[in-house]
Structures are given as C-alpha cells and as structure tokens.
Amino acid sequence: MAHSPSGSRAAAPSTGDEAFTDAGAEDVGDSRLSALLFDVSQQVQGGLQTMLKISSEIERCDSEIEAEVVRAREAVAEKSRALDDDRERVQKAALAALDILSGGRGAI
C-alpha cells in the first residue's frame, strides 16, 4: 500500500512504472482538491470581509439615523411647547377682547 499526502491508502501494483503513475495521479488529484479548497476558502474569506464591511456600514447608518430621530423628537417637542405658549397667549387675548366688548365687567 502506498500513502498519499492526504493520508489515504492506495493499493500499489506490482509493476514499478504503474506504481509511479498511480501515485502521480493521486498527487494530482490531491493537488486539485487542495487548490479547490484553497479557492473556496479564499472566496468565503472575501465574502466574510464584505459582510463585515456591510455590517459596519449598517451600524454607522443606524447610529446616524438614531441621532437624527432624537433631534427630530426634540425639535417636535420644542415646536409643541412654542405652539402651546402661542395658544395660551391667543386665548388670553381673546378673553381680554371679550371682556372689553362686554363692558369690562370680568376680571382677567
């Protein structure tokens, strides 16, 4: 039995030239398999690196969006307070105008 670099065993023929041919064919097969595995691992590594970049970009965008949402909420809350203040002033002015029109009997 002859041993290949991959550790598999193949029955070696009794003639000398055929033994070298079989061992050479097995080495070529192992070499092709190793090259294929290397190529696949390179593609997987490239895919993982791309996914990592995309994931980092998503996290960055998520942070920016989150900050923008916080700013928008704060702006809406400020605008709401300003509108409440304006409504209160308009109501006081309307009550004062009604009081004046009714003869000034009510107190503000």
PDB file of N, CA and C in Angstrom:
ATOM      1  N   MET A   1       0.842  -1.184   0.000  1.00  0.00           N
ATOM      2  CA  MET A   1       0.000   0.000   0.000  1.00  0.00           C
ATOM      3  C   MET A   1       0.881   1.239   0.000  1.00  0.00           C
ATOM      4  N   ALA A   2       0.487   2.194  -0.819  1.00  0.00           N
ATOM      5  CA  ALA A   2       1.219   3.461  -0.890  1.00  0.00           C
ATOM      6  C   ALA A   2       0.432   4.523  -0.158  1.00  0.00           C
ATOM      7  N   HIS A   3       1.121   5.439   0.512  1.00  0.00           N
ATOM      8  CA  HIS A   3       0.478   6.525   1.249  1.00  0.00           C
ATOM      9  C   HIS A   3       0.535   7.797   0.421  1.00  0.00           C
ATOM     10  N   SER A   4      -0.605   8.534   0.406  1.00  0.00           N
ATOM     11  CA  SER A   4      -0.623   9.824  -0.285  1.00  0.00           C
ATOM     12  C   SER A   4      -0.444  10.930   0.748  1.00  0.00           C
ATOM     13  N   PRO A   5      -0.177  12.162   0.316  1.00  0.00           N
ATOM     14  CA  PRO A   5      -0.035  13.270   1.265  1.00  0.00           C
ATOM     15  C   PRO A   5      -1.303  13.492   2.082  1.00  0.00           C
ATOM     16  N   SER A   6      -2.466  13.096   1.552  1.00  0.00           N
ATOM     17  CA  SER A   6      -3.717  13.306   2.288  1.00  0.00           C
ATOM     18  C   SER A   6      -3.942  12.239   3.344  1.00  0.00           C
ATOM     19  N   GLY A   7      -3.103  11.176   3.322  1.00  0.00           N
ATOM     20  CA  GLY A   7      -3.240  10.134   4.329  1.00  0.00           C
ATOM     21  C   GLY A   7      -4.041   8.947   3.844  1.00  0.00           C
ATOM     22  N   SER A   8      -4.582   9.011   2.610  1.00  0.00           N
ATOM     23  CA  SER A   8      -5.340   7.870   2.111  1.00  0.00           C
ATOM     24  C   SER A   8      -4.373   6.803   1.623  1.00  0.00           C
ATOM     25  N   ARG A   9      -4.874   5.589   1.510  1.00  0.00           N
ATOM     26  CA  ARG A   9      -4.028   4.485   1.064  1.00  0.00           C
ATOM     27  C   ARG A   9      -4.552   3.962  -0.270  1.00  0.00           C
ATOM     28  N   ALA A  10      -3.636   3.647  -1.129  1.00  0.00           N
ATOM     29  CA  ALA A  10      -3.994   3.059  -2.418  1.00  0.00           C
ATOM     30  C   ALA A  10      -3.148   1.813  -2.620  1.00  0.00           C
ATOM     31  N   ALA A  11      -3.765   0.799  -3.194  1.00  0.00           N
ATOM     32  CA  ALA A  11      -3.024  -0.427  -3.464  1.00  0.00           C
ATOM     33  C   ALA A  11      -2.053  -0.161  -4.599  1.00  0.00           C
ATOM     34  N   ALA A  12      -0.808  -0.439  -4.379  1.00  0.00           N
ATOM     35  CA  ALA A  12       0.213  -0.207  -5.401  1.00  0.00           C
ATOM     36  C   ALA A  12       0.362  -1.460  -6.243  1.00  0.00           C
ATOM     37  N   PRO A  13       0.291  -1.319  -7.574  1.00  0.00           N
ATOM     38  CA  PRO A  13       0.505  -2.502  -8.430  1.00  0.00           C
ATOM     39  C   PRO A  13       1.950  -2.993  -8.287  1.00  0.00           C
ATOM     40  N   SER A  14       2.136  -4.224  -8.687  1.00  0.00           N
ATOM     41  CA  SER A  14       3.446  -4.831  -8.510  1.00  0.00           C
ATOM     42  C   SER A  14       4.467  -4.344  -9.523  1.00  0.00           C
ATOM     43  N   THR A  15       4.014  -3.741 -10.630  1.00  0.00           N
ATOM     44  CA  THR A  15       4.987  -3.260 -11.613  1.00  0.00           C
ATOM     45  C   THR A  15       5.437  -1.877 -11.220  1.00  0.00           C
ATOM     46  N   GLY A  16       6.659  -1.520 -11.433  1.00  0.00           N
ATOM     47  CA  GLY A  16       7.256  -0.271 -10.980  1.00  0.00           C
ATOM     48  C   GLY A  16       6.694   0.951 -11.662  1.00  0.00           C
ATOM     49  N   ASP A  17       6.533   0.985 -12.991  1.00  0.00           N
ATOM     50  CA  ASP A  17       6.069   2.167 -13.708  1.00  0.00           C
ATOM     51  C   ASP A  17       4.634   2.511 -13.355  1.00  0.00           C
ATOM     52  N   GLU A  18       3.791   1.524 -13.217  1.00  0.00           N
ATOM     53  CA  GLU A  18       2.382   1.784 -12.884  1.00  0.00           C
ATOM     54  C   GLU A  18       2.254   2.367 -11.486  1.00  0.00           C
ATOM     55  N   ALA A  19       3.109   1.970 -10.570  1.00  0.00           N
ATOM     56  CA  ALA A  19       3.066   2.497  -9.211  1.00  0.00           C
ATOM     57  C   ALA A  19       3.342   3.989  -9.215  1.00  0.00           C
ATOM     58  N   PHE A  20       4.297   4.424 -10.016  1.00  0.00           N
ATOM     59  CA  PHE A  20       4.585   5.857 -10.095  1.00  0.00           C
ATOM     60  C   PHE A  20       3.437   6.607 -10.759  1.00  0.00           C
ATOM     61  N   THR A  21       2.804   5.989 -11.743  1.00  0.00           N
ATOM     62  CA  THR A  21       1.688   6.631 -12.446  1.00  0.00           C
ATOM     63  C   THR A  21       0.508   6.797 -11.506  1.00  0.00           C
ATOM     64  N   ASP A  22       0.181   5.763 -10.751  1.00  0.00           N
ATOM     65  CA  ASP A  22      -0.939   5.855  -9.808  1.00  0.00           C
ATOM     66  C   ASP A  22      -0.645   6.872  -8.701  1.00  0.00           C
ATOM     67  N   ALA A  23       0.553   6.853  -8.175  1.00  0.00           N
ATOM     68  CA  ALA A  23       0.918   7.810  -7.131  1.00  0.00           C
ATOM     69  C   ALA A  23       0.897   9.217  -7.694  1.00  0.00           C
ATOM     70  N   GLY A  24       1.358   9.396  -8.919  1.00  0.00           N
ATOM     71  CA  GLY A  24       1.336  10.717  -9.558  1.00  0.00           C
ATOM     72  C   GLY A  24      -0.084  11.185  -9.793  1.00  0.00           C
ATOM     73  N   ALA A  25      -0.967  10.286 -10.228  1.00  0.00           N
ATOM     74  CA  ALA A  25      -2.375  10.642 -10.450  1.00  0.00           C
ATOM     75  C   ALA A  25      -3.036  11.010  -9.130  1.00  0.00           C
ATOM     76  N   GLU A  26      -2.692  10.278  -8.083  1.00  0.00           N
ATOM     77  CA  GLU A  26      -3.260  10.578  -6.769  1.00  0.00           C
ATOM     78  C   GLU A  26      -2.770  11.935  -6.278  1.00  0.00           C
ATOM     79  N   ASP A  27      -1.487  12.221  -6.506  1.00  0.00           N
ATOM     80  CA  ASP A  27      -0.933  13.519  -6.120  1.00  0.00           C
ATOM     81  C   ASP A  27      -1.607  14.648  -6.891  1.00  0.00           C
ATOM     82  N   VAL A  28      -1.874  14.425  -8.173  1.00  0.00           N
ATOM     83  CA  VAL A  28      -2.562  15.432  -8.983  1.00  0.00           C
ATOM     84  C   VAL A  28      -3.974  15.649  -8.440  1.00  0.00           C
ATOM     85  N   GLY A  29      -4.652  14.569  -8.088  1.00  0.00           N
ATOM     86  CA  GLY A  29      -5.998  14.678  -7.516  1.00  0.00           C
ATOM     87  C   GLY A  29      -5.982  15.427  -6.199  1.00  0.00           C
ATOM     88  N   ASP A  30      -5.013  15.098  -5.349  1.00  0.00           N
ATOM     89  CA  ASP A  30      -4.875  15.798  -4.069  1.00  0.00           C
ATOM     90  C   ASP A  30      -4.536  17.265  -4.293  1.00  0.00           C
ATOM     91  N   SER A  31      -3.687  17.511  -5.284  1.00  0.00           N
ATOM     92  CA  SER A  31      -3.307  18.886  -5.593  1.00  0.00           C
ATOM     93  C   SER A  31      -4.514  19.682  -6.075  1.00  0.00           C
ATOM     94  N   ARG A  32      -5.328  19.077  -6.916  1.00  0.00           N
ATOM     95  CA  ARG A  32      -6.544  19.754  -7.400  1.00  0.00           C
ATOM     96  C   ARG A  32      -7.515  20.014  -6.257  1.00  0.00           C
ATOM     97  N   LEU A  33      -7.656  19.021  -5.404  1.00  0.00           N
ATOM     98  CA  LEU A  33      -8.554  19.183  -4.253  1.00  0.00           C
ATOM     99  C   LEU A  33      -8.049  20.290  -3.336  1.00  0.00           C
ATOM    100  N   SER A  34      -6.750  20.306  -3.090  1.00  0.00           N
ATOM    101  CA  SER A  34      -6.169  21.363  -2.250  1.00  0.00           C
ATOM    102  C   SER A  34      -6.372  22.734  -2.875  1.00  0.00           C
ATOM    103  N   ALA A  35      -6.171  22.822  -4.195  1.00  0.00           N
ATOM    104  CA  ALA A  35      -6.374  24.099  -4.887  1.00  0.00           C
ATOM    105  C   ALA A  35      -7.832  24.525  -4.814  1.00  0.00           C
ATOM    106  N   LEU A  36      -8.736  23.571  -4.987  1.00  0.00           N
ATOM    107  CA  LEU A  36     -10.162  23.876  -4.907  1.00  0.00           C
ATOM    108  C   LEU A  36     -10.536  24.353  -3.504  1.00  0.00           C
ATOM    109  N   LEU A  37     -10.044  23.646  -2.494  1.00  0.00           N
ATOM    110  CA  LEU A  37     -10.327  24.047  -1.117  1.00  0.00           C
ATOM    111  C   LEU A  37      -9.744  25.422  -0.816  1.00  0.00           C
ATOM    112  N   PHE A  38      -8.554  25.692  -1.320  1.00  0.00           N
ATOM    113  CA  PHE A  38      -7.940  26.998  -1.122  1.00  0.00           C
ATOM    114  C   PHE A  38      -8.787  28.085  -1.779  1.00  0.00           C
ATOM    115  N   ASP A  39      -9.222  27.846  -3.021  1.00  0.00           N
ATOM    116  CA  ASP A  39     -10.056  28.824  -3.733  1.00  0.00           C
ATOM    117  C   ASP A  39     -11.364  29.078  -2.987  1.00  0.00           C
ATOM    118  N   VAL A  40     -11.990  28.002  -2.536  1.00  0.00           N
ATOM    119  CA  VAL A  40     -13.252  28.151  -1.807  1.00  0.00           C
ATOM    120  C   VAL A  40     -13.029  28.918  -0.510  1.00  0.00           C
ATOM    121  N   SER A  41     -11.945  28.599   0.196  1.00  0.00           N
ATOM    122  CA  SER A  41     -11.691  29.302   1.460  1.00  0.00           C
ATOM    123  C   SER A  41     -11.400  30.780   1.206  1.00  0.00           C
ATOM    124  N   GLN A  42     -10.724  31.096   0.091  1.00  0.00           N
ATOM    125  CA  GLN A  42     -10.468  32.497  -0.257  1.00  0.00           C
ATOM    126  C   GLN A  42     -11.782  33.222  -0.566  1.00  0.00           C
ATOM    127  N   GLN A  43     -12.672  32.548  -1.286  1.00  0.00           N
ATOM    128  CA  GLN A  43     -13.970  33.154  -1.599  1.00  0.00           C
ATOM    129  C   GLN A  43     -14.792  33.364  -0.334  1.00  0.00           C
ATOM    130  N   VAL A  44     -14.783  32.393   0.559  1.00  0.00           N
ATOM    131  CA  VAL A  44     -15.520  32.520   1.819  1.00  0.00           C
ATOM    132  C   VAL A  44     -14.939  33.660   2.641  1.00  0.00           C
ATOM    133  N   GLN A  45     -13.611  33.736   2.705  1.00  0.00           N
ATOM    134  CA  GLN A  45     -12.975  34.817   3.456  1.00  0.00           C
ATOM    135  C   GLN A  45     -13.343  36.172   2.854  1.00  0.00           C
ATOM    136  N   GLY A  46     -13.316  36.271   1.533  1.00  0.00           N
ATOM    137  CA  GLY A  46     -13.708  37.520   0.878  1.00  0.00           C
ATOM    138  C   GLY A  46     -15.154  37.875   1.171  1.00  0.00           C
ATOM    139  N   GLY A  47     -16.016  36.858   1.132  1.00  0.00           N
ATOM    140  CA  GLY A  47     -17.428  37.094   1.454  1.00  0.00           C
ATOM    141  C   GLY A  47     -17.619  37.561   2.885  1.00  0.00           C
ATOM    142  N   LEU A  48     -16.885  36.952   3.802  1.00  0.00           N
ATOM    143  CA  LEU A  48     -16.985  37.358   5.211  1.00  0.00           C
ATOM    144  C   LEU A  48     -16.486  38.778   5.416  1.00  0.00           C
ATOM    145  N   GLN A  49     -15.397  39.140   4.728  1.00  0.00           N
ATOM    146  CA  GLN A  49     -14.887  40.508   4.841  1.00  0.00           C
ATOM    147  C   GLN A  49     -15.897  41.502   4.284  1.00  0.00           C
ATOM    148  N   THR A  50     -16.530  41.155   3.179  1.00  0.00           N
ATOM    149  CA  THR A  50     -17.556  42.025   2.603  1.00  0.00           C
ATOM    150  C   THR A  50     -18.729  42.169   3.563  1.00  0.00           C
ATOM    151  N   MET A  51     -19.147  41.053   4.159  1.00  0.00           N
ATOM    152  CA  MET A  51     -20.249  41.108   5.122  1.00  0.00           C
ATOM    153  C   MET A  51     -19.884  41.956   6.332  1.00  0.00           C
ATOM    154  N   LEU A  52     -18.637  41.879   6.775  1.00  0.00           N
ATOM    155  CA  LEU A  52     -18.181  42.691   7.909  1.00  0.00           C
ATOM    156  C   LEU A  52     -18.232  44.170   7.558  1.00  0.00           C
ATOM    157  N   LYS A  53     -17.782  44.517   6.349  1.00  0.00           N
ATOM    158  CA  LYS A  53     -17.848  45.914   5.910  1.00  0.00           C
ATOM    159  C   LYS A  53     -19.284  46.394   5.853  1.00  0.00           C
ATOM    160  N   ILE A  54     -20.157  45.565   5.292  1.00  0.00           N
ATOM    161  CA  ILE A  54     -21.570  45.939   5.190  1.00  0.00           C
ATOM    162  C   ILE A  54     -22.177  46.088   6.579  1.00  0.00           C
ATOM    163  N   SER A  55     -21.841  45.168   7.477  1.00  0.00           N
ATOM    164  CA  SER A  55     -22.350  45.244   8.843  1.00  0.00           C
ATOM    165  C   SER A  55     -21.887  46.525   9.537  1.00  0.00           C
ATOM    166  N   SER A  56     -20.628  46.888   9.340  1.00  0.00           N
ATOM    167  CA  SER A  56     -20.112  48.124   9.932  1.00  0.00           C
ATOM    168  C   SER A  56     -20.833  49.338   9.356  1.00  0.00           C
ATOM    169  N   GLU A  57     -21.084  49.323   8.053  1.00  0.00           N
ATOM    170  CA  GLU A  57     -21.791  50.431   7.402  1.00  0.00           C
ATOM    171  C   GLU A  57     -23.226  50.528   7.925  1.00  0.00           C
ATOM    172  N   ILE A  58     -23.869  49.387   8.124  1.00  0.00           N
ATOM    173  CA  ILE A  58     -25.233  49.376   8.666  1.00  0.00           C
ATOM    174  C   ILE A  58     -25.236  49.950  10.079  1.00  0.00           C
ATOM    175  N   GLU A  59     -24.276  49.561  10.897  1.00  0.00           N
ATOM    176  CA  GLU A  59     -24.202  50.083  12.265  1.00  0.00           C
ATOM    177  C   GLU A  59     -23.973  51.587  12.263  1.00  0.00           C
ATOM    178  N   ARG A  60     -23.105  52.068  11.356  1.00  0.00           N
ATOM    179  CA  ARG A  60     -22.839  53.507  11.269  1.00  0.00           C
ATOM    180  C   ARG A  60     -24.102  54.249  10.849  1.00  0.00           C
ATOM    181  N   CYS A  61     -24.771  53.735   9.837  1.00  0.00           N
ATOM    182  CA  CYS A  61     -26.012  54.370   9.370  1.00  0.00           C
ATOM    183  C   CYS A  61     -27.088  54.323  10.460  1.00  0.00           C
ATOM    184  N   ASP A  62     -27.158  53.208  11.171  1.00  0.00           N
ATOM    185  CA  ASP A  62     -28.134  53.077  12.251  1.00  0.00           C
ATOM    186  C   ASP A  62     -27.890  54.145  13.314  1.00  0.00           C
ATOM    187  N   SER A  63     -26.634  54.378  13.657  1.00  0.00           N
ATOM    188  CA  SER A  63     -26.301  55.404  14.646  1.00  0.00           C
ATOM    189  C   SER A  63     -26.698  56.790  14.153  1.00  0.00           C
ATOM    190  N   GLU A  64     -26.419  57.061  12.879  1.00  0.00           N
ATOM    191  CA  GLU A  64     -26.786  58.361  12.315  1.00  0.00           C
ATOM    192  C   GLU A  64     -28.299  58.547  12.295  1.00  0.00           C
ATOM    193  N   ILE A  65     -29.015  57.510  11.917  1.00  0.00           N
ATOM    194  CA  ILE A  65     -30.480  57.586  11.875  1.00  0.00           C
ATOM    195  C   ILE A  65     -31.031  57.790  13.278  1.00  0.00           C
ATOM    196  N   GLU A  66     -30.494  57.052  14.231  1.00  0.00           N
ATOM    197  CA  GLU A  66     -30.941  57.177  15.625  1.00  0.00           C
ATOM    198  C   GLU A  66     -30.724  58.600  16.132  1.00  0.00           C
ATOM    199  N   ALA A  67     -29.564  59.185  15.840  1.00  0.00           N
ATOM    200  CA  ALA A  67     -29.282  60.559  16.257  1.00  0.00           C
ATOM    201  C   ALA A  67     -30.245  61.533  15.583  1.00  0.00           C
ATOM    202  N   GLU A  68     -30.543  61.313  14.315  1.00  0.00           N
ATOM    203  CA  GLU A  68     -31.477  62.186  13.591  1.00  0.00           C
ATOM    204  C   GLU A  68     -32.877  62.080  14.172  1.00  0.00           C
ATOM    205  N   VAL A  69     -33.301  60.887  14.557  1.00  0.00           N
ATOM    206  CA  VAL A  69     -34.620  60.698  15.175  1.00  0.00           C
ATOM    207  C   VAL A  69     -34.688  61.446  16.499  1.00  0.00           C
ATOM    208  N   VAL A  70     -33.622  61.378  17.287  1.00  0.00           N
ATOM    209  CA  VAL A  70     -33.581  62.094  18.571  1.00  0.00           C
ATOM    210  C   VAL A  70     -33.694  63.600  18.327  1.00  0.00           C
ATOM    211  N   ARG A  71     -32.934  64.115  17.332  1.00  0.00           N
ATOM    212  CA  ARG A  71     -33.010  65.548  17.019  1.00  0.00           C
ATOM    213  C   ARG A  71     -34.417  65.929  16.555  1.00  0.00           C
ATOM    214  N   ALA A  72     -35.035  65.089  15.756  1.00  0.00           N
ATOM    215  CA  ALA A  72     -36.386  65.384  15.269  1.00  0.00           C
ATOM    216  C   ALA A  72     -37.385  65.393  16.423  1.00  0.00           C
ATOM    217  N   ARG A  73     -37.260  64.452  17.342  1.00  0.00           N
ATOM    218  CA  ARG A  73     -38.161  64.421  18.501  1.00  0.00           C
ATOM    219  C   ARG A  73     -38.004  65.679  19.351  1.00  0.00           C
ATOM    220  N   GLU A  74     -36.757  66.082  19.551  1.00  0.00           N
ATOM    221  CA  GLU A  74     -36.506  67.296  20.333  1.00  0.00           C
ATOM    222  C   GLU A  74     -37.086  68.519  19.633  1.00  0.00           C
ATOM    223  N   ALA A  75     -36.946  68.582  18.313  1.00  0.00           N
ATOM    224  CA  ALA A  75     -37.494  69.713  17.556  1.00  0.00           C
ATOM    225  C   ALA A  75     -39.019  69.725  17.631  1.00  0.00           C
ATOM    226  N   VAL A  76     -39.633  68.570  17.539  1.00  0.00           N
ATOM    227  CA  VAL A  76     -41.100  68.480  17.633  1.00  0.00           C
ATOM    228  C   VAL A  76     -41.560  68.899  19.025  1.00  0.00           C
ATOM    229  N   ALA A  77     -40.860  68.451  20.054  1.00  0.00           N
ATOM    230  CA  ALA A  77     -41.230  68.825  21.420  1.00  0.00           C
ATOM    231  C   ALA A  77     -41.101  70.338  21.619  1.00  0.00           C
ATOM    232  N   GLU A  78     -40.030  70.936  21.088  1.00  0.00           N
ATOM    233  CA  GLU A  78     -39.841  72.391  21.190  1.00  0.00           C
ATOM    234  C   GLU A  78     -40.949  73.134  20.451  1.00  0.00           C
ATOM    235  N   LYS A  79     -41.270  72.660  19.252  1.00  0.00           N
ATOM    236  CA  LYS A  79     -42.334  73.295  18.462  1.00  0.00           C
ATOM    237  C   LYS A  79     -43.681  73.170  19.185  1.00  0.00           C
ATOM    238  N   SER A  80     -43.910  72.024  19.799  1.00  0.00           N
ATOM    239  CA  SER A  80     -45.148  71.816  20.547  1.00  0.00           C
ATOM    240  C   SER A  80     -45.252  72.780  21.724  1.00  0.00           C
ATOM    241  N   ARG A  81     -44.136  72.969  22.446  1.00  0.00           N
ATOM    242  CA  ARG A  81     -44.147  73.928  23.564  1.00  0.00           C
ATOM    243  C   ARG A  81     -44.418  75.342  23.060  1.00  0.00           C
ATOM    244  N   ALA A  82     -43.785  75.698  21.939  1.00  0.00           N
ATOM    245  CA  ALA A  82     -43.998  77.037  21.368  1.00  0.00           C
ATOM    246  C   ALA A  82     -45.456  77.218  20.955  1.00  0.00           C
ATOM    247  N   LEU A  83     -46.052  76.205  20.351  1.00  0.00           N
ATOM    248  CA  LEU A  83     -47.464  76.287  19.944  1.00  0.00           C
ATOM    249  C   LEU A  83     -48.390  76.384  21.154  1.00  0.00           C
ATOM    250  N   ASP A  84     -48.067  75.643  22.212  1.00  0.00           N
ATOM    251  CA  ASP A  84     -48.867  75.733  23.444  1.00  0.00           C
ATOM    252  C   ASP A  84     -48.790  77.148  24.033  1.00  0.00           C
ATOM    253  N   ASP A  85     -47.580  77.720  24.027  1.00  0.00           N
ATOM    254  CA  ASP A  85     -47.422  79.093  24.521  1.00  0.00           C
ATOM    255  C   ASP A  85     -48.226  80.072  23.668  1.00  0.00           C
ATOM    256  N   ASP A  86     -48.147  79.915  22.340  1.00  0.00           N
ATOM    257  CA  ASP A  86     -48.914  80.792  21.437  1.00  0.00           C
ATOM    258  C   ASP A  86     -50.415  80.639  21.672  1.00  0.00           C
ATOM    259  N   ARG A  87     -50.888  79.402  21.832  1.00  0.00           N
ATOM    260  CA  ARG A  87     -52.313  79.165  22.065  1.00  0.00           C
ATOM    261  C   ARG A  87     -52.755  79.844  23.362  1.00  0.00           C
ATOM    262  N   GLU A  88     -51.935  79.734  24.388  1.00  0.00           N
ATOM    263  CA  GLU A  88     -52.268  80.349  25.663  1.00  0.00           C
ATOM    264  C   GLU A  88     -52.346  81.876  25.532  1.00  0.00           C
ATOM    265  N   ARG A  89     -51.409  82.490  24.815  1.00  0.00           N
ATOM    266  CA  ARG A  89     -51.429  83.946  24.604  1.00  0.00           C
ATOM    267  C   ARG A  89     -52.661  84.371  23.799  1.00  0.00           C
ATOM    268  N   VAL A  90     -53.002  83.599  22.771  1.00  0.00           N
ATOM    269  CA  VAL A  90     -54.170  83.928  21.951  1.00  0.00           C
ATOM    270  C   VAL A  90     -55.446  83.798  22.782  1.00  0.00           C
ATOM    271  N   GLN A  91     -55.524  82.762  23.608  1.00  0.00           N
ATOM    272  CA  GLN A  91     -56.702  82.605  24.462  1.00  0.00           C
ATOM    273  C   GLN A  91     -56.832  83.777  25.430  1.00  0.00           C
ATOM    274  N   LYS A  92     -55.714  84.189  26.048  1.00  0.00           N
ATOM    275  CA  LYS A  92     -55.755  85.332  26.965  1.00  0.00           C
ATOM    276  C   LYS A  92     -56.173  86.604  26.231  1.00  0.00           C
ATOM    277  N   ALA A  93     -55.643  86.789  25.020  1.00  0.00           N
ATOM    278  CA  ALA A  93     -56.012  87.974  24.233  1.00  0.00           C
ATOM    279  C   ALA A  93     -57.484  87.921  23.860  1.00  0.00           C
ATOM    280  N   ALA A  94     -57.996  86.750  23.494  1.00  0.00           N
ATOM    281  CA  ALA A  94     -59.414  86.614  23.125  1.00  0.00           C
ATOM    282  C   ALA A  94     -60.293  86.885  24.339  1.00  0.00           C
ATOM    283  N   LEU A  95     -59.907  86.375  25.497  1.00  0.00           N
ATOM    284  CA  LEU A  95     -60.692  86.628  26.715  1.00  0.00           C
ATOM    285  C   LEU A  95     -60.665  88.116  27.070  1.00  0.00           C
ATOM    286  N   ALA A  96     -59.509  88.760  26.905  1.00  0.00           N
ATOM    287  CA  ALA A  96     -59.419  90.195  27.182  1.00  0.00           C
ATOM    288  C   ALA A  96     -60.296  90.973  26.216  1.00  0.00           C
ATOM    289  N   ALA A  97     -60.312  90.593  24.932  1.00  0.00           N
ATOM    290  CA  ALA A  97     -61.158  91.272  23.945  1.00  0.00           C
ATOM    291  C   ALA A  97     -62.624  91.073  24.276  1.00  0.00           C
ATOM    292  N   LEU A  98     -63.021  89.876  24.667  1.00  0.00           N
ATOM    293  CA  LEU A  98     -64.417  89.613  25.060  1.00  0.00           C
ATOM    294  C   LEU A  98     -64.795  90.444  26.277  1.00  0.00           C
ATOM    295  N   ASP A  99     -63.865  90.542  27.213  1.00  0.00           N
ATOM    296  CA  ASP A  99     -64.123  91.328  28.420  1.00  0.00           C
ATOM    297  C   ASP A  99     -64.328  92.798  28.060  1.00  0.00           C
ATOM    298  N   ILE A 100     -63.496  93.306  27.172  1.00  0.00           N
ATOM    299  CA  ILE A 100     -63.636  94.709  26.750  1.00  0.00           C
ATOM    300  C   ILE A 100     -64.967  94.910  26.041  1.00  0.00           C
ATOM    301  N   LEU A 101     -65.323  93.990  25.157  1.00  0.00           N
ATOM    302  CA  LEU A 101     -66.579  94.122  24.394  1.00  0.00           C
ATOM    303  C   LEU A 101     -67.822  93.971  25.277  1.00  0.00           C
ATOM    304  N   SER A 102     -67.694  93.217  26.339  1.00  0.00           N
ATOM    305  CA  SER A 102     -68.848  93.004  27.200  1.00  0.00           C
ATOM    306  C   SER A 102     -68.982  94.100  28.263  1.00  0.00           C
ATOM    307  N   GLY A 103     -68.152  95.068  28.214  1.00  0.00           N
ATOM    308  CA  GLY A 103     -68.281  96.190  29.128  1.00  0.00           C
ATOM    309  C   GLY A 103     -67.299  96.177  30.258  1.00  0.00           C
ATOM    310  N   GLY A 104     -66.338  95.295  30.232  1.00  0.00           N
ATOM    311  CA  GLY A 104     -65.255  95.304  31.216  1.00  0.00           C
ATOM    312  C   GLY A 104     -65.668  94.810  32.582  1.00  0.00           C
ATOM    313  N   ARG A 105     -66.717  94.005  32.693  1.00  0.00           N
ATOM    314  CA  ARG A 105     -67.156  93.515  33.993  1.00  0.00           C
ATOM    315  C   ARG A 105     -66.356  92.350  34.518  1.00  0.00           C
ATOM    316  N   GLY A 106     -65.739  91.552  33.641  1.00  0.00           N
ATOM    317  CA  GLY A 106     -64.981  90.360  34.073  1.00  0.00           C
ATOM    318  C   GLY A 106     -63.548  90.703  34.393  1.00  0.00           C
ATOM    319  N   ALA A 107     -62.921  89.899  35.201  1.00  0.00           N
ATOM    320  CA  ALA A 107     -61.503  90.088  35.551  1.00  0.00           C
ATOM    321  C   ALA A 107     -60.673  89.080  34.794  1.00  0.00           C
ATOM    322  N   ILE A 108     -59.494  89.506  34.415  1.00  0.00           N
ATOM    323  CA  ILE A 108     -58.611  88.605  33.682  1.00  0.00           C
ATOM    324  C   ILE A 108     -57.737  87.844  34.636  1.00  0.00           C
TER     325      ILE A 108
END
